[in-house]
Amino acid sequence: MNYNDYGIFIREMQLPIHIKGVTIPNGDGTFDVYINASLSETQKRTTLRHELRHIKLDHFFKPAETVALAEKCANSPT
């Protein structure tokens, strides 16, 4: 799937070992998703799904939602 068509730009890069991935919302409505290049292919796919759920669930624009709750929701299989 080409996520660029949806304004989601995915990049692999070296991140601290304890960070699997991070998503940055941009002012123009697009998102930059960074996946830790040190992860296995399976971990990268799992991390990407997790980060995409944050976007789908609109976690970046719900300031009242706690980080812990956002992480729990993004880890949910549905």
N, C-alpha and C. Protein backbone atom coordinates (compact mmCIF):
# COMPACT_ATOMS: atom_id res chain seq x y z
N MET A 1 0.85 -1.18 0.00
CA MET A 1 0.00 0.00 0.00
C MET A 1 0.90 1.24 0.00
N ASN A 2 0.51 2.21 -0.77
CA ASN A 2 1.25 3.47 -0.84
C ASN A 2 0.58 4.47 0.10
N TYR A 3 1.15 4.61 1.28
CA TYR A 3 0.58 5.52 2.27
C TYR A 3 0.78 6.98 1.91
N ASN A 4 1.73 7.26 1.01
CA ASN A 4 1.95 8.66 0.59
C ASN A 4 0.68 9.26 0.01
N ASP A 5 -0.13 8.42 -0.66
CA ASP A 5 -1.39 8.91 -1.23
C ASP A 5 -2.35 9.41 -0.15
N TYR A 6 -2.14 8.97 1.08
CA TYR A 6 -2.98 9.37 2.21
C TYR A 6 -2.31 10.43 3.08
N GLY A 7 -1.18 10.94 2.62
CA GLY A 7 -0.47 11.95 3.39
C GLY A 7 0.29 11.38 4.57
N ILE A 8 0.67 10.10 4.48
CA ILE A 8 1.43 9.44 5.53
C ILE A 8 2.76 9.02 4.92
N PHE A 9 3.83 9.57 5.45
CA PHE A 9 5.16 9.32 4.91
C PHE A 9 5.95 8.48 5.91
N ILE A 10 6.33 7.28 5.50
CA ILE A 10 6.97 6.32 6.39
C ILE A 10 8.46 6.26 6.07
N ARG A 11 9.24 6.35 7.15
CA ARG A 11 10.70 6.31 6.99
C ARG A 11 11.29 5.41 8.06
N GLU A 12 12.32 4.67 7.69
CA GLU A 12 13.08 3.91 8.67
C GLU A 12 14.32 4.71 9.01
N MET A 13 14.66 4.73 10.30
CA MET A 13 15.87 5.42 10.72
C MET A 13 16.33 4.83 12.04
N GLN A 14 17.57 5.07 12.37
CA GLN A 14 18.09 4.63 13.65
C GLN A 14 17.47 5.47 14.75
N LEU A 15 16.85 4.81 15.69
CA LEU A 15 16.26 5.47 16.85
C LEU A 15 16.86 4.82 18.09
N PRO A 16 16.76 5.46 19.24
CA PRO A 16 17.20 4.79 20.46
C PRO A 16 16.50 3.43 20.59
N ILE A 17 17.20 2.44 21.08
CA ILE A 17 16.71 1.06 21.09
C ILE A 17 15.35 0.92 21.78
N HIS A 18 15.04 1.76 22.75
CA HIS A 18 13.77 1.66 23.46
C HIS A 18 12.60 2.31 22.71
N ILE A 19 12.88 2.95 21.59
CA ILE A 19 11.82 3.57 20.78
C ILE A 19 11.64 2.75 19.51
N LYS A 20 10.44 2.16 19.37
CA LYS A 20 10.16 1.35 18.19
C LYS A 20 9.69 2.21 17.02
N GLY A 21 8.91 3.24 17.34
CA GLY A 21 8.41 4.10 16.29
C GLY A 21 7.79 5.35 16.88
N VAL A 22 7.65 6.33 16.03
CA VAL A 22 7.04 7.60 16.46
C VAL A 22 6.37 8.24 15.25
N THR A 23 5.27 8.90 15.51
CA THR A 23 4.55 9.61 14.45
C THR A 23 4.49 11.08 14.79
N ILE A 24 4.78 11.90 13.78
CA ILE A 24 4.76 13.35 13.95
C ILE A 24 3.70 13.92 13.01
N PRO A 25 2.67 14.59 13.57
CA PRO A 25 1.70 15.26 12.70
C PRO A 25 2.30 16.56 12.17
N ASN A 26 2.04 16.85 10.92
CA ASN A 26 2.52 18.08 10.30
C ASN A 26 1.38 19.09 10.20
N GLY A 27 1.72 20.34 10.11
CA GLY A 27 0.73 21.42 10.05
C GLY A 27 -0.17 21.36 8.84
N ASP A 28 0.25 20.63 7.80
CA ASP A 28 -0.56 20.56 6.58
C ASP A 28 -1.48 19.34 6.54
N GLY A 29 -1.61 18.63 7.68
CA GLY A 29 -2.51 17.48 7.74
C GLY A 29 -1.85 16.17 7.38
N THR A 30 -0.57 16.19 7.02
CA THR A 30 0.14 14.95 6.73
C THR A 30 0.84 14.46 8.00
N PHE A 31 1.37 13.25 7.92
CA PHE A 31 2.05 12.64 9.06
C PHE A 31 3.37 12.04 8.61
N ASP A 32 4.39 12.17 9.43
CA ASP A 32 5.67 11.49 9.24
C ASP A 32 5.75 10.38 10.27
N VAL A 33 5.92 9.15 9.79
CA VAL A 33 6.04 7.99 10.67
C VAL A 33 7.48 7.50 10.58
N TYR A 34 8.13 7.41 11.72
CA TYR A 34 9.51 6.93 11.78
C TYR A 34 9.52 5.58 12.48
N ILE A 35 10.10 4.59 11.82
CA ILE A 35 10.21 3.23 12.35
C ILE A 35 11.68 2.95 12.62
N ASN A 36 11.98 2.34 13.76
CA ASN A 36 13.34 2.04 14.12
C ASN A 36 13.93 1.00 13.16
N ALA A 37 14.99 1.37 12.46
CA ALA A 37 15.62 0.50 11.46
C ALA A 37 16.26 -0.73 12.08
N SER A 38 16.49 -0.72 13.39
CA SER A 38 17.12 -1.85 14.06
C SER A 38 16.16 -3.00 14.35
N LEU A 39 14.88 -2.79 14.16
CA LEU A 39 13.88 -3.82 14.44
C LEU A 39 13.88 -4.90 13.36
N SER A 40 13.39 -6.08 13.72
CA SER A 40 13.20 -7.14 12.73
C SER A 40 12.05 -6.73 11.81
N GLU A 41 11.92 -7.40 10.69
CA GLU A 41 10.83 -7.08 9.74
C GLU A 41 9.47 -7.26 10.40
N THR A 42 9.32 -8.29 11.21
CA THR A 42 8.05 -8.51 11.92
C THR A 42 7.77 -7.38 12.89
N GLN A 43 8.78 -6.96 13.65
CA GLN A 43 8.61 -5.84 14.59
C GLN A 43 8.31 -4.54 13.85
N LYS A 44 8.92 -4.34 12.70
CA LYS A 44 8.64 -3.13 11.92
C LYS A 44 7.19 -3.10 11.48
N ARG A 45 6.66 -4.24 11.00
CA ARG A 45 5.25 -4.29 10.58
C ARG A 45 4.31 -4.03 11.75
N THR A 46 4.62 -4.64 12.89
CA THR A 46 3.80 -4.45 14.09
C THR A 46 3.83 -2.99 14.53
N THR A 47 5.00 -2.41 14.51
CA THR A 47 5.16 -1.00 14.91
C THR A 47 4.42 -0.08 13.94
N LEU A 48 4.52 -0.36 12.65
CA LEU A 48 3.81 0.45 11.67
C LEU A 48 2.30 0.38 11.91
N ARG A 49 1.77 -0.82 12.13
CA ARG A 49 0.33 -0.95 12.42
C ARG A 49 -0.04 -0.11 13.64
N HIS A 50 0.79 -0.16 14.66
CA HIS A 50 0.55 0.60 15.89
C HIS A 50 0.50 2.10 15.59
N GLU A 51 1.48 2.58 14.86
CA GLU A 51 1.54 4.02 14.55
C GLU A 51 0.36 4.44 13.66
N LEU A 52 -0.02 3.60 12.71
CA LEU A 52 -1.16 3.91 11.85
C LEU A 52 -2.47 3.97 12.64
N ARG A 53 -2.57 3.14 13.68
CA ARG A 53 -3.77 3.20 14.54
C ARG A 53 -3.84 4.54 15.28
N HIS A 54 -2.70 5.06 15.69
CA HIS A 54 -2.71 6.39 16.32
C HIS A 54 -3.30 7.42 15.36
N ILE A 55 -2.92 7.33 14.09
CA ILE A 55 -3.46 8.27 13.08
C ILE A 55 -4.94 8.02 12.89
N LYS A 56 -5.33 6.77 12.69
CA LYS A 56 -6.73 6.43 12.45
C LYS A 56 -7.62 6.87 13.61
N LEU A 57 -7.13 6.70 14.83
CA LEU A 57 -7.92 7.05 16.01
C LEU A 57 -7.81 8.52 16.39
N ASP A 58 -7.09 9.28 15.58
CA ASP A 58 -7.01 10.74 15.76
C ASP A 58 -6.42 11.13 17.11
N HIS A 59 -5.43 10.35 17.58
CA HIS A 59 -4.85 10.60 18.90
C HIS A 59 -4.10 11.92 19.00
N PHE A 60 -3.70 12.47 17.91
CA PHE A 60 -2.88 13.68 17.95
C PHE A 60 -3.70 14.94 18.19
N PHE A 61 -4.98 14.83 18.04
CA PHE A 61 -5.84 16.01 18.15
C PHE A 61 -6.88 15.86 19.25
N LYS A 62 -6.57 15.00 20.24
CA LYS A 62 -7.43 14.82 21.40
C LYS A 62 -6.60 15.09 22.65
N PRO A 63 -6.38 16.36 22.97
CA PRO A 63 -5.46 16.67 24.07
C PRO A 63 -5.90 16.16 25.43
N ALA A 64 -7.18 15.91 25.63
CA ALA A 64 -7.64 15.44 26.93
C ALA A 64 -7.30 13.95 27.14
N GLU A 65 -7.01 13.25 26.06
CA GLU A 65 -6.71 11.83 26.15
C GLU A 65 -5.29 11.64 26.67
N THR A 66 -5.14 10.76 27.63
CA THR A 66 -3.81 10.52 28.19
C THR A 66 -2.98 9.67 27.25
N VAL A 67 -1.69 9.77 27.38
CA VAL A 67 -0.77 8.97 26.57
C VAL A 67 -1.00 7.49 26.83
N ALA A 68 -1.20 7.11 28.09
CA ALA A 68 -1.41 5.70 28.43
C ALA A 68 -2.65 5.14 27.73
N LEU A 69 -3.72 5.91 27.71
CA LEU A 69 -4.94 5.45 27.05
C LEU A 69 -4.74 5.37 25.54
N ALA A 70 -4.06 6.35 24.96
CA ALA A 70 -3.79 6.33 23.52
C ALA A 70 -2.95 5.11 23.16
N GLU A 71 -1.96 4.78 23.97
CA GLU A 71 -1.12 3.60 23.70
C GLU A 71 -1.94 2.32 23.81
N LYS A 72 -2.80 2.23 24.81
CA LYS A 72 -3.65 1.05 24.98
C LYS A 72 -4.56 0.88 23.77
N CYS A 73 -5.15 1.95 23.29
CA CYS A 73 -6.04 1.89 22.13
C CYS A 73 -5.25 1.50 20.87
N ALA A 74 -4.07 2.03 20.70
CA ALA A 74 -3.27 1.73 19.51
C ALA A 74 -2.77 0.30 19.53
N ASN A 75 -2.65 -0.31 20.70
CA ASN A 75 -2.25 -1.71 20.81
C ASN A 75 -3.40 -2.67 20.63
N SER A 76 -4.62 -2.16 20.65
CA SER A 76 -5.81 -3.00 20.50
C SER A 76 -5.87 -3.57 19.09
N PRO A 77 -6.28 -4.84 18.95
CA PRO A 77 -6.32 -5.46 17.61
C PRO A 77 -7.41 -4.94 16.70
N THR A 78 -8.41 -4.24 17.22
CA THR A 78 -9.50 -3.77 16.36
C THR A 78 -9.40 -2.32 16.07
